[in-house]
């Protein structure tokens, strides 16, 4: 599998996978590495189960996983 994340000399990060790039733009609070790992895991799981891992299917399932990740974070503490 090719690298999904490239770290550039100026400290920026570039995602090569279009699905990862779209989801990273949507989930700005989730680290890029986490997004690309989620997409890779979903793709591998679908292929393991014999499901056609089209970009649409992978994106839909990965989005659900990322939503669960974001929504499971504890709420920020309010000042007393």
PDB file of N, CA and C in Angstrom:
ATOM      1  N   UNK A   1       0.850  -1.175   0.000  1.00  0.00           N
ATOM      2  CA  UNK A   1       0.000   0.000   0.000  1.00  0.00           C
ATOM      3  C   UNK A   1       0.887   1.226   0.000  1.00  0.00           C
ATOM      4  N   UNK A   2       0.574   2.213  -0.817  1.00  0.00           N
ATOM      5  CA  UNK A   2       1.356   3.435  -0.865  1.00  0.00           C
ATOM      6  C   UNK A   2       1.062   4.297   0.358  1.00  0.00           C
ATOM      7  N   UNK A   3       1.968   5.220   0.622  1.00  0.00           N
ATOM      8  CA  UNK A   3       1.790   6.112   1.771  1.00  0.00           C
ATOM      9  C   UNK A   3       0.576   7.001   1.540  1.00  0.00           C
ATOM     10  N   UNK A   4      -0.221   7.148   2.561  1.00  0.00           N
ATOM     11  CA  UNK A   4      -1.408   7.984   2.454  1.00  0.00           C
ATOM     12  C   UNK A   4      -1.155   9.401   2.928  1.00  0.00           C
ATOM     13  N   UNK A   5      -0.125   9.575   3.772  1.00  0.00           N
ATOM     14  CA  UNK A   5       0.179  10.885   4.327  1.00  0.00           C
ATOM     15  C   UNK A   5       1.636  11.192   4.032  1.00  0.00           C
ATOM     16  N   UNK A   6       1.904  12.377   3.503  1.00  0.00           N
ATOM     17  CA  UNK A   6       3.267  12.831   3.262  1.00  0.00           C
ATOM     18  C   UNK A   6       3.498  14.074   4.100  1.00  0.00           C
ATOM     19  N   UNK A   7       4.590  14.072   4.853  1.00  0.00           N
ATOM     20  CA  UNK A   7       4.957  15.246   5.641  1.00  0.00           C
ATOM     21  C   UNK A   7       5.946  16.057   4.806  1.00  0.00           C
ATOM     22  N   UNK A   8       5.605  17.292   4.520  1.00  0.00           N
ATOM     23  CA  UNK A   8       6.429  18.143   3.681  1.00  0.00           C
ATOM     24  C   UNK A   8       7.473  18.867   4.530  1.00  0.00           C
ATOM     25  N   UNK A   9       8.501  19.406   3.875  1.00  0.00           N
ATOM     26  CA  UNK A   9       9.609  20.057   4.571  1.00  0.00           C
ATOM     27  C   UNK A   9       9.153  21.250   5.411  1.00  0.00           C
ATOM     28  N   UNK A  10       8.125  21.949   4.969  1.00  0.00           N
ATOM     29  CA  UNK A  10       7.667  23.128   5.710  1.00  0.00           C
ATOM     30  C   UNK A  10       6.750  22.773   6.876  1.00  0.00           C
ATOM     31  N   UNK A  11       6.615  21.478   7.171  1.00  0.00           N
ATOM     32  CA  UNK A  11       5.790  21.042   8.292  1.00  0.00           C
ATOM     33  C   UNK A  11       4.356  20.737   7.909  1.00  0.00           C
ATOM     34  N   UNK A  12       3.984  21.048   6.676  1.00  0.00           N
ATOM     35  CA  UNK A  12       2.625  20.766   6.220  1.00  0.00           C
ATOM     36  C   UNK A  12       2.476  19.271   5.951  1.00  0.00           C
ATOM     37  N   UNK A  13       1.251  18.840   5.878  1.00  0.00           N
ATOM     38  CA  UNK A  13       0.965  17.438   5.612  1.00  0.00           C
ATOM     39  C   UNK A  13       0.028  17.354   4.422  1.00  0.00           C
ATOM     40  N   UNK A  14       0.291  16.396   3.533  1.00  0.00           N
ATOM     41  CA  UNK A  14      -0.544  16.221   2.347  1.00  0.00           C
ATOM     42  C   UNK A  14      -1.088  14.799   2.332  1.00  0.00           C
ATOM     43  N   UNK A  15      -2.397  14.680   2.124  1.00  0.00           N
ATOM     44  CA  UNK A  15      -3.032  13.371   2.000  1.00  0.00           C
ATOM     45  C   UNK A  15      -3.134  13.023   0.517  1.00  0.00           C
ATOM     46  N   UNK A  16      -2.694  11.811   0.163  1.00  0.00           N
ATOM     47  CA  UNK A  16      -2.726  11.385  -1.236  1.00  0.00           C
ATOM     48  C   UNK A  16      -4.045  10.735  -1.614  1.00  0.00           C
ATOM     49  N   UNK A  17      -4.717  10.140  -0.674  1.00  0.00           N
ATOM     50  CA  UNK A  17      -5.963   9.446  -0.946  1.00  0.00           C
ATOM     51  C   UNK A  17      -7.108  10.458  -0.976  1.00  0.00           C
ATOM     52  N   UNK A  18      -7.876  10.524  -2.067  1.00  0.00           N
ATOM     53  CA  UNK A  18      -8.965  11.510  -2.154  1.00  0.00           C
ATOM     54  C   UNK A  18     -10.020  11.335  -1.064  1.00  0.00           C
ATOM     55  N   UNK A  19     -10.307  10.091  -0.675  1.00  0.00           N
ATOM     56  CA  UNK A  19     -11.298   9.862   0.378  1.00  0.00           C
ATOM     57  C   UNK A  19     -10.783  10.455   1.697  1.00  0.00           C
ATOM     58  N   UNK A  20      -9.524  10.186   2.016  1.00  0.00           N
ATOM     59  CA  UNK A  20      -8.938  10.735   3.238  1.00  0.00           C
ATOM     60  C   UNK A  20      -8.923  12.259   3.201  1.00  0.00           C
ATOM     61  N   UNK A  21      -8.595  12.820   2.046  1.00  0.00           N
ATOM     62  CA  UNK A  21      -8.545  14.282   1.924  1.00  0.00           C
ATOM     63  C   UNK A  21      -9.928  14.897   2.149  1.00  0.00           C
ATOM     64  N   UNK A  22     -10.964  14.305   1.561  1.00  0.00           N
ATOM     65  CA  UNK A  22     -12.323  14.842   1.749  1.00  0.00           C
ATOM     66  C   UNK A  22     -12.747  14.760   3.207  1.00  0.00           C
ATOM     67  N   UNK A  23     -12.463  13.617   3.853  1.00  0.00           N
ATOM     68  CA  UNK A  23     -12.863  13.454   5.251  1.00  0.00           C
ATOM     69  C   UNK A  23     -12.036  14.343   6.176  1.00  0.00           C
ATOM     70  N   UNK A  24     -10.774  14.552   5.859  1.00  0.00           N
ATOM     71  CA  UNK A  24      -9.944  15.451   6.666  1.00  0.00           C
ATOM     72  C   UNK A  24     -10.475  16.878   6.598  1.00  0.00           C
ATOM     73  N   UNK A  25     -10.975  17.281   5.433  1.00  0.00           N
ATOM     74  CA  UNK A  25     -11.581  18.613   5.298  1.00  0.00           C
ATOM     75  C   UNK A  25     -12.869  18.725   6.104  1.00  0.00           C
ATOM     76  N   UNK A  26     -13.553  17.617   6.267  1.00  0.00           N
ATOM     77  CA  UNK A  26     -14.814  17.604   7.013  1.00  0.00           C
ATOM     78  C   UNK A  26     -14.595  17.507   8.521  1.00  0.00           C
ATOM     79  N   UNK A  27     -13.580  16.761   8.945  1.00  0.00           N
ATOM     80  CA  UNK A  27     -13.312  16.529  10.367  1.00  0.00           C
ATOM     81  C   UNK A  27     -12.018  17.241  10.758  1.00  0.00           C
ATOM     82  N   UNK A  28     -12.096  18.554  10.877  1.00  0.00           N
ATOM     83  CA  UNK A  28     -10.916  19.369  11.124  1.00  0.00           C
ATOM     84  C   UNK A  28     -10.295  19.128  12.493  1.00  0.00           C
ATOM     85  N   UNK A  29     -11.066  18.635  13.462  1.00  0.00           N
ATOM     86  CA  UNK A  29     -10.531  18.419  14.806  1.00  0.00           C
ATOM     87  C   UNK A  29      -9.856  17.059  14.955  1.00  0.00           C
ATOM     88  N   UNK A  30      -9.967  16.208  13.957  1.00  0.00           N
ATOM     89  CA  UNK A  30      -9.358  14.875  14.007  1.00  0.00           C
ATOM     90  C   UNK A  30      -8.007  14.946  13.303  1.00  0.00           C
ATOM     91  N   UNK A  31      -6.938  14.453  13.939  1.00  0.00           N
ATOM     92  CA  UNK A  31      -5.619  14.482  13.293  1.00  0.00           C
ATOM     93  C   UNK A  31      -5.621  13.755  11.945  1.00  0.00           C
ATOM     94  N   UNK A  32      -4.827  14.266  11.007  1.00  0.00           N
ATOM     95  CA  UNK A  32      -4.779  13.684   9.665  1.00  0.00           C
ATOM     96  C   UNK A  32      -4.392  12.214   9.682  1.00  0.00           C
ATOM     97  N   UNK A  33      -3.470  11.850  10.544  1.00  0.00           N
ATOM     98  CA  UNK A  33      -3.060  10.456  10.637  1.00  0.00           C
ATOM     99  C   UNK A  33      -4.202   9.549  11.056  1.00  0.00           C
ATOM    100  N   UNK A  34      -5.042  10.046  11.952  1.00  0.00           N
ATOM    101  CA  UNK A  34      -6.190   9.279  12.413  1.00  0.00           C
ATOM    102  C   UNK A  34      -7.194   9.087  11.280  1.00  0.00           C
ATOM    103  N   UNK A  35      -7.416  10.136  10.506  1.00  0.00           N
ATOM    104  CA  UNK A  35      -8.346  10.046   9.371  1.00  0.00           C
ATOM    105  C   UNK A  35      -7.827   9.042   8.344  1.00  0.00           C
ATOM    106  N   UNK A  36      -6.564   9.150   7.984  1.00  0.00           N
ATOM    107  CA  UNK A  36      -6.032   8.240   6.960  1.00  0.00           C
ATOM    108  C   UNK A  36      -5.998   6.797   7.460  1.00  0.00           C
ATOM    109  N   UNK A  37      -5.704   6.594   8.754  1.00  0.00           N
ATOM    110  CA  UNK A  37      -5.737   5.237   9.325  1.00  0.00           C
ATOM    111  C   UNK A  37      -7.139   4.672   9.305  1.00  0.00           C
ATOM    112  N   UNK A  38      -8.126   5.506   9.625  1.00  0.00           N
ATOM    113  CA  UNK A  38      -9.523   5.070   9.626  1.00  0.00           C
ATOM    114  C   UNK A  38      -9.933   4.627   8.220  1.00  0.00           C
ATOM    115  N   UNK A  39      -9.590   5.419   7.228  1.00  0.00           N
ATOM    116  CA  UNK A  39      -9.933   5.089   5.840  1.00  0.00           C
ATOM    117  C   UNK A  39      -9.238   3.786   5.422  1.00  0.00           C
ATOM    118  N   UNK A  40      -7.968   3.643   5.757  1.00  0.00           N
ATOM    119  CA  UNK A  40      -7.236   2.427   5.409  1.00  0.00           C
ATOM    120  C   UNK A  40      -7.836   1.212   6.111  1.00  0.00           C
ATOM    121  N   UNK A  41      -8.218   1.371   7.375  1.00  0.00           N
ATOM    122  CA  UNK A  41      -8.810   0.263   8.130  1.00  0.00           C
ATOM    123  C   UNK A  41     -10.153  -0.151   7.541  1.00  0.00           C
ATOM    124  N   UNK A  42     -10.964   0.825   7.180  1.00  0.00           N
ATOM    125  CA  UNK A  42     -12.273   0.521   6.588  1.00  0.00           C
ATOM    126  C   UNK A  42     -12.079  -0.197   5.258  1.00  0.00           C
ATOM    127  N   UNK A  43     -11.144   0.284   4.454  1.00  0.00           N
ATOM    128  CA  UNK A  43     -10.887  -0.345   3.153  1.00  0.00           C
ATOM    129  C   UNK A  43     -10.418  -1.795   3.346  1.00  0.00           C
ATOM    130  N   UNK A  44      -9.491  -2.002   4.267  1.00  0.00           N
ATOM    131  CA  UNK A  44      -8.972  -3.350   4.522  1.00  0.00           C
ATOM    132  C   UNK A  44     -10.064  -4.274   5.060  1.00  0.00           C
ATOM    133  N   UNK A  45     -10.898  -3.760   5.943  1.00  0.00           N
ATOM    134  CA  UNK A  45     -11.976  -4.563   6.523  1.00  0.00           C
ATOM    135  C   UNK A  45     -12.982  -4.960   5.440  1.00  0.00           C
ATOM    136  N   UNK A  46     -13.357  -4.010   4.589  1.00  0.00           N
ATOM    137  CA  UNK A  46     -14.303  -4.307   3.513  1.00  0.00           C
ATOM    138  C   UNK A  46     -13.737  -5.373   2.585  1.00  0.00           C
ATOM    139  N   UNK A  47     -12.471  -5.225   2.215  1.00  0.00           N
ATOM    140  CA  UNK A  47     -11.853  -6.209   1.328  1.00  0.00           C
ATOM    141  C   UNK A  47     -11.774  -7.577   1.999  1.00  0.00           C
ATOM    142  N   UNK A  48     -11.467  -7.593   3.283  1.00  0.00           N
ATOM    143  CA  UNK A  48     -11.396  -8.857   4.027  1.00  0.00           C
ATOM    144  C   UNK A  48     -12.750  -9.563   4.039  1.00  0.00           C
ATOM    145  N   UNK A  49     -13.822  -8.776   4.140  1.00  0.00           N
ATOM    146  CA  UNK A  49     -15.167  -9.349   4.180  1.00  0.00           C
ATOM    147  C   UNK A  49     -15.716  -9.662   2.788  1.00  0.00           C
ATOM    148  N   UNK A  50     -14.949  -9.343   1.759  1.00  0.00           N
ATOM    149  CA  UNK A  50     -15.389  -9.631   0.398  1.00  0.00           C
ATOM    150  C   UNK A  50     -16.331  -8.585  -0.166  1.00  0.00           C
ATOM    151  N   UNK A  51     -16.376  -7.427   0.461  1.00  0.00           N
ATOM    152  CA  UNK A  51     -17.225  -6.325  -0.011  1.00  0.00           C
ATOM    153  C   UNK A  51     -16.420  -5.502  -1.006  1.00  0.00           C
ATOM    154  N   UNK A  52     -17.054  -5.077  -2.081  1.00  0.00           N
ATOM    155  CA  UNK A  52     -16.392  -4.222  -3.058  1.00  0.00           C
ATOM    156  C   UNK A  52     -16.097  -2.883  -2.391  1.00  0.00           C
ATOM    157  N   UNK A  53     -14.828  -2.610  -2.132  1.00  0.00           N
ATOM    158  CA  UNK A  53     -14.422  -1.409  -1.390  1.00  0.00           C
ATOM    159  C   UNK A  53     -14.323  -0.216  -2.334  1.00  0.00           C
ATOM    160  N   UNK A  54     -15.476   0.209  -2.851  1.00  0.00           N
ATOM    161  CA  UNK A  54     -15.495   1.393  -3.709  1.00  0.00           C
ATOM    162  C   UNK A  54     -15.213   2.625  -2.854  1.00  0.00           C
ATOM    163  N   UNK A  55     -14.721   3.694  -3.466  1.00  0.00           N
ATOM    164  CA  UNK A  55     -14.483   4.914  -2.690  1.00  0.00           C
ATOM    165  C   UNK A  55     -15.736   5.407  -1.961  1.00  0.00           C
ATOM    166  N   UNK A  56     -16.897   5.237  -2.578  1.00  0.00           N
ATOM    167  CA  UNK A  56     -18.141   5.700  -1.957  1.00  0.00           C
ATOM    168  C   UNK A  56     -18.450   4.907  -0.687  1.00  0.00           C
ATOM    169  N   UNK A  57     -18.291   3.599  -0.757  1.00  0.00           N
ATOM    170  CA  UNK A  57     -18.564   2.743   0.406  1.00  0.00           C
ATOM    171  C   UNK A  57     -17.563   3.045   1.513  1.00  0.00           C
ATOM    172  N   UNK A  58     -16.283   3.128   1.151  1.00  0.00           N
ATOM    173  CA  UNK A  58     -15.243   3.397   2.148  1.00  0.00           C
ATOM    174  C   UNK A  58     -15.480   4.748   2.811  1.00  0.00           C
ATOM    175  N   UNK A  59     -15.801   5.761   2.025  1.00  0.00           N
ATOM    176  CA  UNK A  59     -16.035   7.097   2.587  1.00  0.00           C
ATOM    177  C   UNK A  59     -17.235   7.100   3.531  1.00  0.00           C
ATOM    178  N   UNK A  60     -18.305   6.437   3.141  1.00  0.00           N
ATOM    179  CA  UNK A  60     -19.510   6.416   3.970  1.00  0.00           C
ATOM    180  C   UNK A  60     -19.249   5.743   5.318  1.00  0.00           C
ATOM    181  N   UNK A  61     -18.590   4.591   5.292  1.00  0.00           N
ATOM    182  CA  UNK A  61     -18.327   3.863   6.542  1.00  0.00           C
ATOM    183  C   UNK A  61     -17.297   4.610   7.389  1.00  0.00           C
ATOM    184  N   UNK A  62     -16.239   5.120   6.762  1.00  0.00           N
ATOM    185  CA  UNK A  62     -15.227   5.873   7.508  1.00  0.00           C
ATOM    186  C   UNK A  62     -15.839   7.119   8.140  1.00  0.00           C
ATOM    187  N   UNK A  63     -16.749   7.791   7.431  1.00  0.00           N
ATOM    188  CA  UNK A  63     -17.421   8.968   7.997  1.00  0.00           C
ATOM    189  C   UNK A  63     -18.190   8.591   9.258  1.00  0.00           C
ATOM    190  N   UNK A  64     -18.875   7.470   9.235  1.00  0.00           N
ATOM    191  CA  UNK A  64     -19.614   7.023  10.423  1.00  0.00           C
ATOM    192  C   UNK A  64     -18.663   6.750  11.587  1.00  0.00           C
ATOM    193  N   UNK A  65     -17.523   6.133  11.296  1.00  0.00           N
ATOM    194  CA  UNK A  65     -16.541   5.860  12.355  1.00  0.00           C
ATOM    195  C   UNK A  65     -15.987   7.163  12.931  1.00  0.00           C
ATOM    196  N   UNK A  66     -15.685   8.119  12.053  1.00  0.00           N
ATOM    197  CA  UNK A  66     -15.145   9.402  12.520  1.00  0.00           C
ATOM    198  C   UNK A  66     -16.190  10.193  13.295  1.00  0.00           C
ATOM    199  N   UNK A  67     -17.450  10.130  12.862  1.00  0.00           N
ATOM    200  CA  UNK A  67     -18.516  10.788  13.624  1.00  0.00           C
ATOM    201  C   UNK A  67     -18.625  10.193  15.027  1.00  0.00           C
ATOM    202  N   UNK A  68     -18.524   8.886  15.119  1.00  0.00           N
ATOM    203  CA  UNK A  68     -18.576   8.231  16.427  1.00  0.00           C
ATOM    204  C   UNK A  68     -17.396   8.671  17.286  1.00  0.00           C
ATOM    205  N   UNK A  69     -16.229   8.792  16.681  1.00  0.00           N
ATOM    206  CA  UNK A  69     -15.043   9.244  17.407  1.00  0.00           C
ATOM    207  C   UNK A  69     -15.229  10.663  17.939  1.00  0.00           C
ATOM    208  N   UNK A  70     -15.684  11.551  17.084  1.00  0.00           N
ATOM    209  CA  UNK A  70     -15.877  12.952  17.477  1.00  0.00           C
ATOM    210  C   UNK A  70     -16.978  13.079  18.527  1.00  0.00           C
ATOM    211  N   UNK A  71     -18.072  12.358  18.337  1.00  0.00           N
ATOM    212  CA  UNK A  71     -19.205  12.474  19.266  1.00  0.00           C
ATOM    213  C   UNK A  71     -18.962  11.774  20.591  1.00  0.00           C
ATOM    214  N   UNK A  72     -17.954  10.916  20.662  1.00  0.00           N
ATOM    215  CA  UNK A  72     -17.686  10.225  21.920  1.00  0.00           C
ATOM    216  C   UNK A  72     -16.732  11.008  22.809  1.00  0.00           C
ATOM    217  N   UNK A  73     -16.168  12.077  22.299  1.00  0.00           N
ATOM    218  CA  UNK A  73     -15.264  12.899  23.110  1.00  0.00           C
ATOM    219  C   UNK A  73     -16.061  13.587  24.211  1.00  0.00           C
ATOM    220  N   UNK A  74     -15.484  13.677  25.404  1.00  0.00           N
ATOM    221  CA  UNK A  74     -16.204  14.348  26.480  1.00  0.00           C
ATOM    222  C   UNK A  74     -16.371  15.836  26.164  1.00  0.00           C
ATOM    223  N   UNK A  75     -17.456  16.436  26.610  1.00  0.00           N
ATOM    224  CA  UNK A  75     -17.668  17.863  26.345  1.00  0.00           C
ATOM    225  C   UNK A  75     -16.630  18.679  27.105  1.00  0.00           C
ATOM    226  N   UNK A  76     -16.306  19.859  26.590  1.00  0.00           N
ATOM    227  CA  UNK A  76     -15.335  20.710  27.288  1.00  0.00           C
ATOM    228  C   UNK A  76     -15.909  21.166  28.628  1.00  0.00           C
ATOM    229  N   UNK A  77     -15.038  21.335  29.589  1.00  0.00           N
ATOM    230  CA  UNK A  77     -15.481  21.788  30.902  1.00  0.00           C
ATOM    231  C   UNK A  77     -15.827  23.268  30.844  1.00  0.00           C
ATOM    232  N   UNK A  78     -16.911  23.620  31.491  1.00  0.00           N
ATOM    233  CA  UNK A  78     -17.281  25.036  31.544  1.00  0.00           C
ATOM    234  C   UNK A  78     -16.674  25.638  32.815  1.00  0.00           C
ATOM    235  N   UNK A  79     -16.267  26.897  32.719  1.00  0.00           N
ATOM    236  CA  UNK A  79     -15.693  27.540  33.904  1.00  0.00           C
ATOM    237  C   UNK A  79     -16.753  27.720  34.975  1.00  0.00           C
ATOM    238  N   UNK A  80     -16.352  27.563  36.205  1.00  0.00           N
ATOM    239  CA  UNK A  80     -17.312  27.694  37.320  1.00  0.00           C
ATOM    240  C   UNK A  80     -17.300  29.067  37.891  1.00  0.00           C
TER     241      UNK A  80
END
